[in-house]
Each structure stands twice: as structure tokens, then as C-alpha cells.
Protein backbone atom coordinates (compact mmCIF):
# COMPACT_ATOMS: atom_id res chain seq x y z
CA UNK A 1 -48.98 -5.60 -33.70
CA UNK A 2 -45.92 -7.47 -34.80
CA UNK A 3 -43.87 -4.26 -34.98
CA UNK A 4 -45.06 -3.25 -31.51
CA UNK A 5 -44.08 -6.63 -30.08
CA UNK A 6 -40.73 -6.41 -31.80
CA UNK A 7 -40.09 -2.92 -30.40
CA UNK A 8 -40.99 -4.11 -26.89
CA UNK A 9 -38.63 -7.06 -27.23
CA UNK A 10 -35.81 -4.76 -28.37
CA UNK A 11 -36.40 -2.49 -25.37
CA UNK A 12 -36.42 -5.46 -23.03
CA UNK A 13 -33.28 -6.85 -24.66
CA UNK A 14 -31.57 -3.49 -24.26
CA UNK A 15 -32.49 -3.33 -20.54
CA UNK A 16 -31.25 -6.88 -20.03
CA UNK A 17 -27.96 -6.07 -21.74
CA UNK A 18 -27.53 -3.03 -19.49
CA UNK A 19 -28.27 -5.13 -16.41
CA UNK A 20 -25.79 -7.76 -17.55
CA UNK A 21 -23.16 -5.08 -18.11
CA UNK A 22 -23.78 -3.72 -14.59
CA UNK A 23 -23.47 -7.21 -13.11
CA UNK A 24 -20.18 -7.74 -14.96
CA UNK A 25 -18.87 -4.46 -13.55
CA UNK A 26 -19.93 -5.45 -10.04
CA UNK A 27 -18.21 -8.82 -10.46
CA UNK A 28 -15.02 -7.15 -11.65
CA UNK A 29 -15.07 -4.75 -8.69
CA UNK A 30 -15.57 -7.64 -6.28
CA UNK A 31 -12.63 -9.48 -7.83
CA UNK A 32 -10.46 -6.40 -7.36
CA UNK A 33 -11.59 -5.98 -3.75
CA UNK A 34 -10.88 -9.65 -3.06
CA UNK A 35 -7.36 -9.41 -4.50
CA UNK A 36 -6.73 -6.24 -2.49
CA UNK A 37 -7.93 -7.83 0.73
CA UNK A 38 -5.78 -10.91 0.08
CA UNK A 39 -2.77 -8.70 -0.55
CA UNK A 40 -3.48 -6.69 2.62
CA UNK A 41 -3.80 -9.91 4.63
CA UNK A 42 -0.47 -11.18 3.28
CA UNK A 43 1.19 -7.85 4.10
CA UNK A 44 -0.24 -7.95 7.63
CA UNK A 45 1.03 -11.50 8.12
CA UNK A 46 4.50 -10.46 6.97
CA UNK A 47 4.48 -7.48 9.35
CA UNK A 48 3.34 -9.70 12.20
CA UNK A 49 6.12 -12.21 11.51
CA UNK A 50 8.69 -9.41 11.40
CA UNK A 51 7.35 -7.93 14.64
CA UNK A 52 7.38 -11.36 16.28
CA UNK A 53 11.02 -11.84 15.24
CA UNK A 54 11.97 -8.37 16.51
CA UNK A 55 10.23 -9.04 19.83
CA UNK A 56 12.03 -12.37 20.23
CA UNK A 57 15.38 -10.70 19.51
CA UNK A 58 14.58 -7.89 21.93
CA UNK A 59 13.62 -10.22 24.76
CA UNK A 60 16.60 -12.44 24.04
CA UNK A 61 18.90 -9.41 24.27
CA UNK A 62 17.10 -8.17 27.38
CA UNK A 63 17.47 -11.58 28.97
CA UNK A 64 21.21 -11.61 28.21
CA UNK A 65 21.61 -8.15 29.71
CA UNK A 66 19.65 -9.17 32.81
CA UNK A 67 21.71 -12.32 33.29
CA UNK A 68 24.91 -10.32 32.76
CA UNK A 69 23.86 -7.69 35.30
CA UNK A 70 23.06 -10.35 37.90
CA UNK A 71 26.42 -12.00 37.26
CA UNK A 72 28.24 -8.73 37.95
CA UNK A 73 26.47 -8.25 41.28
CA UNK A 74 27.15 -11.76 42.55
CA UNK A 75 29.84 -11.97 45.29
């Protein structure tokens, strides 16, 4: 009886260790995904800032050209 109980406990312990190992792997994968998503968000913010700056420069240049063209046509 004692040996049977001991064997059952070893089996249960082994299953629990496997489950714990799987949970650790899941946790590690989630950490990696979180870091990747944070990095992607930062990259997207940088691209948006660059695009915003380019748009401002474009419209500033366009405005200068428009004002210059109107000035040339004035009598």
C-alpha cells in the first residue's frame, strides 16, 4: 500500500512539474509578445511623428508657393 501511494504521488508530482514547466513557457512567450508589441508601438509612434513633420513641411512649402503665385498675379 505504501509503495502504491508513493508511486501515485511520484506520478502526480511529475504531472505537476510538467504543468509548471508549460506555464513557465507560456509566461515567457507572453513576455516576448509584450516586448514585441511595445517595440512595434514605439516604432509606429516614431513613424507617425516623422509623417506629421513631413506633412507640416509639405503644407508649409505648399502655402509658400501658393502665396508666391498669388503675389505674381497681383497687379
